[in-house]
């Protein structure tokens, strides 16, 4: 079974897909292969999955970026998120973490905002592409903070991390599970999380709402889709397998 992931390897969506589908494969007695198809904010991979036969041998594991955001921001898409897909299962949710390169002399959100205002036009930020949740998180942050930063889109946040480490880009809202290892290794600095409450994965990190941006809250959801036209019995079978997988202790621990 091919699982199309519309973002690069080593990113949050790829991580979730590999952890969950390994367990789903065991449940269904099938081999699941993750097929990364990044580009255009995830819409290239989503469009490819939409054209696949609805026989259960092609799935799309994606995020709110391709199915809740891009349809409202991009004038033309090669797929219709409602008509071209059958939703199968809600897999996971993940807050984002505000990361900065170590070369920036800031350790808090307040210091980042002050630095950006004192150095107009000098900061840039990386995203996983135009119209993605990462793009919107950063745009919302900049708007509420009253700062201006240049946008540098990548095909996925995993591809932006090396440039963030070397200081070629300065700011990135990465998914918490994939961003924190770089913080713990000392390669990057974390300032806050985007969820309404602090995360158990990083309890010492304040929320953006705590950091002077009241009301700021953003969580990315991950979901599984089949192409439109999949038989109801097939949808039900795959749904039950994913539901059982994400409730298993080993998958919960891995995520």
Protein backbone atom coordinates (compact mmCIF):
# COMPACT_ATOMS: atom_id res chain seq x y z
CA UNK A 1 0.00 0.00 0.00
CA UNK A 2 1.44 3.37 -1.05
CA UNK A 3 1.05 6.17 1.47
CA UNK A 4 1.58 9.52 -0.23
CA UNK A 5 3.08 12.10 2.14
CA UNK A 6 3.08 15.52 0.44
CA UNK A 7 6.08 16.78 2.43
CA UNK A 8 9.78 15.76 2.56
CA UNK A 9 11.31 12.94 4.57
CA UNK A 10 12.25 13.68 8.20
CA UNK A 11 9.49 16.27 8.62
CA UNK A 12 6.56 15.97 11.02
CA UNK A 13 4.11 14.51 8.49
CA UNK A 14 6.68 11.94 7.38
CA UNK A 15 7.42 11.02 11.00
CA UNK A 16 3.73 10.54 11.82
CA UNK A 17 3.15 8.53 8.64
CA UNK A 18 6.01 6.12 9.27
CA UNK A 19 5.16 5.52 12.91
CA UNK A 20 1.44 5.01 12.36
CA UNK A 21 1.44 3.06 9.09
CA UNK A 22 3.95 0.54 10.41
CA UNK A 23 1.35 -0.43 12.99
CA UNK A 24 -1.52 -0.26 10.47
CA UNK A 25 0.39 -2.62 8.19
CA UNK A 26 0.60 -5.12 11.02
CA UNK A 27 -3.13 -4.79 11.63
CA UNK A 28 -4.04 -5.35 7.97
CA UNK A 29 -1.30 -7.80 7.04
CA UNK A 30 -0.05 -5.47 4.30
CA UNK A 31 3.23 -3.74 3.61
CA UNK A 32 2.88 0.05 3.73
CA UNK A 33 5.41 2.20 1.86
CA UNK A 34 5.68 5.94 2.47
CA UNK A 35 6.09 7.88 -0.79
CA UNK A 36 7.24 11.47 -0.20
CA UNK A 37 5.93 13.86 -2.87
CA UNK A 38 6.82 17.36 -1.61
CA UNK A 39 6.34 20.74 -3.26
CA UNK A 40 3.93 23.66 -3.56
CA UNK A 41 2.92 23.56 0.07
CA UNK A 42 1.93 19.91 -0.14
CA UNK A 43 -0.51 20.39 -3.01
CA UNK A 44 1.59 18.41 -5.54
CA UNK A 45 1.41 15.23 -3.51
CA UNK A 46 -2.25 15.76 -2.66
CA UNK A 47 -3.11 16.18 -6.34
CA UNK A 48 -1.26 12.98 -7.23
CA UNK A 49 -3.12 11.01 -4.56
CA UNK A 50 -6.44 12.40 -5.77
CA UNK A 51 -5.88 10.83 -9.20
CA UNK A 52 -5.15 7.35 -7.83
CA UNK A 53 -7.57 4.45 -8.09
CA UNK A 54 -9.89 4.22 -5.05
CA UNK A 55 -8.94 0.59 -4.42
CA UNK A 56 -7.19 1.06 -1.08
CA UNK A 57 -3.67 0.71 -2.45
CA UNK A 58 -3.04 4.47 -2.38
CA UNK A 59 -3.63 6.60 0.71
CA UNK A 60 -2.84 10.23 1.45
CA UNK A 61 -1.53 11.13 4.89
CA UNK A 62 -1.57 14.88 5.08
CA UNK A 63 -2.18 17.92 7.28
CA UNK A 64 -4.49 20.89 7.59
CA UNK A 65 -2.18 22.66 5.11
CA UNK A 66 -3.46 20.82 2.03
CA UNK A 67 -7.09 20.32 3.00
CA UNK A 68 -8.10 23.22 5.24
CA UNK A 69 -5.78 26.07 4.26
CA UNK A 70 -4.63 25.87 0.64
CA UNK A 71 -8.19 25.65 -0.77
CA UNK A 72 -8.91 29.05 0.78
CA UNK A 73 -5.65 30.73 -0.20
CA UNK A 74 -4.75 29.39 -3.63
CA UNK A 75 -6.97 30.40 -6.57
CA UNK A 76 -6.32 27.19 -8.50
CA UNK A 77 -5.78 23.69 -7.13
CA UNK A 78 -5.42 20.47 -9.09
CA UNK A 79 -7.79 18.79 -6.63
CA UNK A 80 -10.93 19.49 -4.66
CA UNK A 81 -10.40 18.57 -0.99
CA UNK A 82 -14.07 17.62 -0.59
CA UNK A 83 -14.99 16.02 -3.91
CA UNK A 84 -11.74 14.21 -4.71
CA UNK A 85 -11.14 12.49 -1.37
CA UNK A 86 -12.87 10.32 1.19
CA UNK A 87 -11.74 11.13 4.75
CA UNK A 88 -10.67 8.01 6.64
CA UNK A 89 -9.18 8.89 10.02
CA UNK A 90 -7.90 11.66 12.24
CA UNK A 91 -4.41 10.49 13.22
CA UNK A 92 -2.76 13.11 15.41
CA UNK A 93 -2.45 16.75 16.44
CA UNK A 94 0.75 18.66 17.06
CA UNK A 95 1.51 22.18 18.24
CA UNK A 96 4.38 24.08 16.69
CA UNK A 97 7.44 25.51 18.39
CA UNK A 98 8.94 28.90 17.60
CA UNK A 99 12.60 28.26 16.74
CA UNK A 100 15.35 30.81 16.14
CA UNK A 101 18.91 30.46 14.97
CA UNK A 102 21.51 30.60 17.73
CA UNK A 103 23.15 33.62 16.14
CA UNK A 104 20.16 35.81 17.06
CA UNK A 105 20.71 37.56 20.42
CA UNK A 106 17.24 36.69 21.72
CA UNK A 107 16.01 34.22 24.32
CA UNK A 108 12.36 35.15 24.65
CA UNK A 109 9.47 36.07 22.37
CA UNK A 110 9.55 39.60 23.72
CA UNK A 111 13.24 39.94 22.87
CA UNK A 112 12.62 38.60 19.35
CA UNK A 113 9.85 41.14 18.76
CA UNK A 114 12.01 43.96 20.14
CA UNK A 115 14.95 42.89 17.96
CA UNK A 116 12.78 42.72 14.84
CA UNK A 117 11.40 46.21 15.49
CA UNK A 118 14.89 47.59 16.14
CA UNK A 119 16.24 45.95 12.96
CA UNK A 120 13.53 46.38 10.32
CA UNK A 121 14.00 44.31 7.18
CA UNK A 122 16.85 42.23 8.60
CA UNK A 123 14.99 39.10 9.66
CA UNK A 124 13.59 36.34 7.47
CA UNK A 125 11.57 33.23 8.26
CA UNK A 126 11.41 29.77 6.75
CA UNK A 127 8.23 27.82 6.01
CA UNK A 128 7.16 24.54 4.44
CA UNK A 129 5.72 26.47 1.49
CA UNK A 130 3.16 29.09 0.55
CA UNK A 131 -0.21 28.57 2.17
CA UNK A 132 0.91 25.96 4.70
CA UNK A 133 0.15 25.97 8.41
CA UNK A 134 3.76 27.03 9.03
CA UNK A 135 3.30 30.03 6.73
CA UNK A 136 0.07 31.05 8.42
CA UNK A 137 1.51 30.57 11.91
CA UNK A 138 4.37 32.93 11.12
CA UNK A 139 2.21 35.47 9.30
CA UNK A 140 -0.22 35.54 12.23
CA UNK A 141 2.64 35.90 14.69
CA UNK A 142 4.22 38.76 12.73
CA UNK A 143 0.89 40.54 12.32
CA UNK A 144 -0.01 40.32 16.00
CA UNK A 145 3.51 41.30 17.06
CA UNK A 146 3.62 44.19 14.60
CA UNK A 147 6.88 43.12 12.96
CA UNK A 148 8.02 42.58 9.37
CA UNK A 149 10.05 39.56 8.23
CA UNK A 150 10.85 38.24 4.76
CA UNK A 151 9.34 34.90 3.74
CA UNK A 152 11.63 32.09 2.52
CA UNK A 153 9.50 29.09 1.43
CA UNK A 154 10.92 25.56 1.35
CA UNK A 155 9.37 22.26 0.27
CA UNK A 156 9.23 21.26 3.94
CA UNK A 157 10.57 22.36 7.30
CA UNK A 158 13.07 19.48 7.35
CA UNK A 159 14.83 21.14 4.39
CA UNK A 160 14.90 24.48 6.21
CA UNK A 161 16.57 23.20 9.39
CA UNK A 162 20.17 23.20 8.02
CA UNK A 163 19.80 26.82 6.89
CA UNK A 164 18.32 27.77 10.26
CA UNK A 165 21.25 26.14 12.05
CA UNK A 166 23.77 28.06 9.93
CA UNK A 167 21.87 31.34 10.29
CA UNK A 168 20.88 31.78 6.64
CA UNK A 169 17.28 31.97 7.88
CA UNK A 170 16.39 33.25 11.31
CA UNK A 171 12.94 32.04 12.39
CA UNK A 172 10.92 28.85 11.90
CA UNK A 173 7.69 27.50 13.35
CA UNK A 174 8.36 23.76 13.26
CA UNK A 175 6.23 20.93 14.56
CA UNK A 176 7.10 20.28 18.19
CA UNK A 177 8.11 16.58 17.80
CA UNK A 178 10.55 17.31 14.98
CA UNK A 179 11.79 20.68 16.23
CA UNK A 180 12.70 19.85 19.82
CA UNK A 181 15.51 17.36 19.10
CA UNK A 182 17.47 20.22 17.50
CA UNK A 183 16.86 22.33 20.60
CA UNK A 184 17.99 19.57 22.95
CA UNK A 185 21.17 19.10 20.91
CA UNK A 186 21.92 22.82 21.20
CA UNK A 187 21.73 23.48 17.46
CA UNK A 188 18.70 25.79 17.75
CA UNK A 189 16.88 27.85 20.37
CA UNK A 190 13.19 27.45 21.23
CA UNK A 191 11.15 30.42 22.47
CA UNK A 192 7.52 29.28 22.76
CA UNK A 193 4.84 26.83 21.63
CA UNK A 194 1.72 27.68 19.62
CA UNK A 195 -0.80 25.61 21.59
CA UNK A 196 -3.24 27.20 24.03
CA UNK A 197 -1.60 25.32 26.91
CA UNK A 198 1.99 24.25 27.52
CA UNK A 199 2.98 20.93 26.00
CA UNK A 200 4.01 17.88 27.99
CA UNK A 201 6.81 17.44 25.43
CA UNK A 202 8.33 20.79 26.46
CA UNK A 203 6.75 21.85 29.76
CA UNK A 204 9.33 24.60 30.39
CA UNK A 205 8.46 26.42 27.17
CA UNK A 206 5.81 29.15 27.53
CA UNK A 207 2.94 29.51 25.07
CA UNK A 208 2.85 32.46 22.71
CA UNK A 209 -0.23 33.63 24.58
CA UNK A 210 1.84 33.68 27.78
CA UNK A 211 4.59 35.52 25.94
CA UNK A 212 2.64 38.67 25.16
CA UNK A 213 0.40 37.53 22.29
CA UNK A 214 -2.96 36.90 23.99
CA UNK A 215 -5.31 34.51 22.22
CA UNK A 216 -2.66 33.01 19.93
CA UNK A 217 -3.38 29.31 19.46
CA UNK A 218 -2.56 26.95 16.59
CA UNK A 219 -2.37 23.16 16.33
CA UNK A 220 -1.74 21.14 13.16
CA UNK A 221 -3.91 18.10 12.54
CA UNK A 222 -2.82 15.02 10.60
CA UNK A 223 -5.37 12.95 8.70
CA UNK A 224 -5.67 10.02 6.30
CA UNK A 225 -7.67 10.08 3.06
CA UNK A 226 -8.59 7.67 0.30
CA UNK A 227 -9.34 8.88 -3.22
CA UNK A 228 -13.02 9.60 -3.83
CA UNK A 229 -15.13 6.63 -4.78
CA UNK A 230 -13.62 4.14 -2.34
CA UNK A 231 -16.20 1.48 -1.34
CA UNK A 232 -17.72 2.09 2.12
CA UNK A 233 -16.60 -1.34 3.35
CA UNK A 234 -12.99 -0.49 2.40
CA UNK A 235 -13.17 2.92 4.07
CA UNK A 236 -14.53 1.30 7.23
CA UNK A 237 -11.80 -1.35 7.27
CA UNK A 238 -8.99 1.18 6.86
CA UNK A 239 -10.61 3.54 9.38
CA UNK A 240 -10.75 0.81 12.02
CA UNK A 241 -7.11 -0.14 11.40
CA UNK A 242 -5.87 3.45 11.79
CA UNK A 243 -8.05 4.04 14.83
CA UNK A 244 -6.69 0.93 16.52
CA UNK A 245 -3.12 1.85 15.57
CA UNK A 246 -3.18 5.36 17.01
CA UNK A 247 -4.63 4.02 20.26
CA UNK A 248 -1.87 1.43 20.70
CA UNK A 249 0.61 2.23 23.51
CA UNK A 250 3.70 1.84 21.29
CA UNK A 251 2.39 4.33 18.70
CA UNK A 252 1.37 6.79 21.42
CA UNK A 253 4.85 6.51 22.98
CA UNK A 254 6.57 6.96 19.61
CA UNK A 255 4.51 10.02 18.70
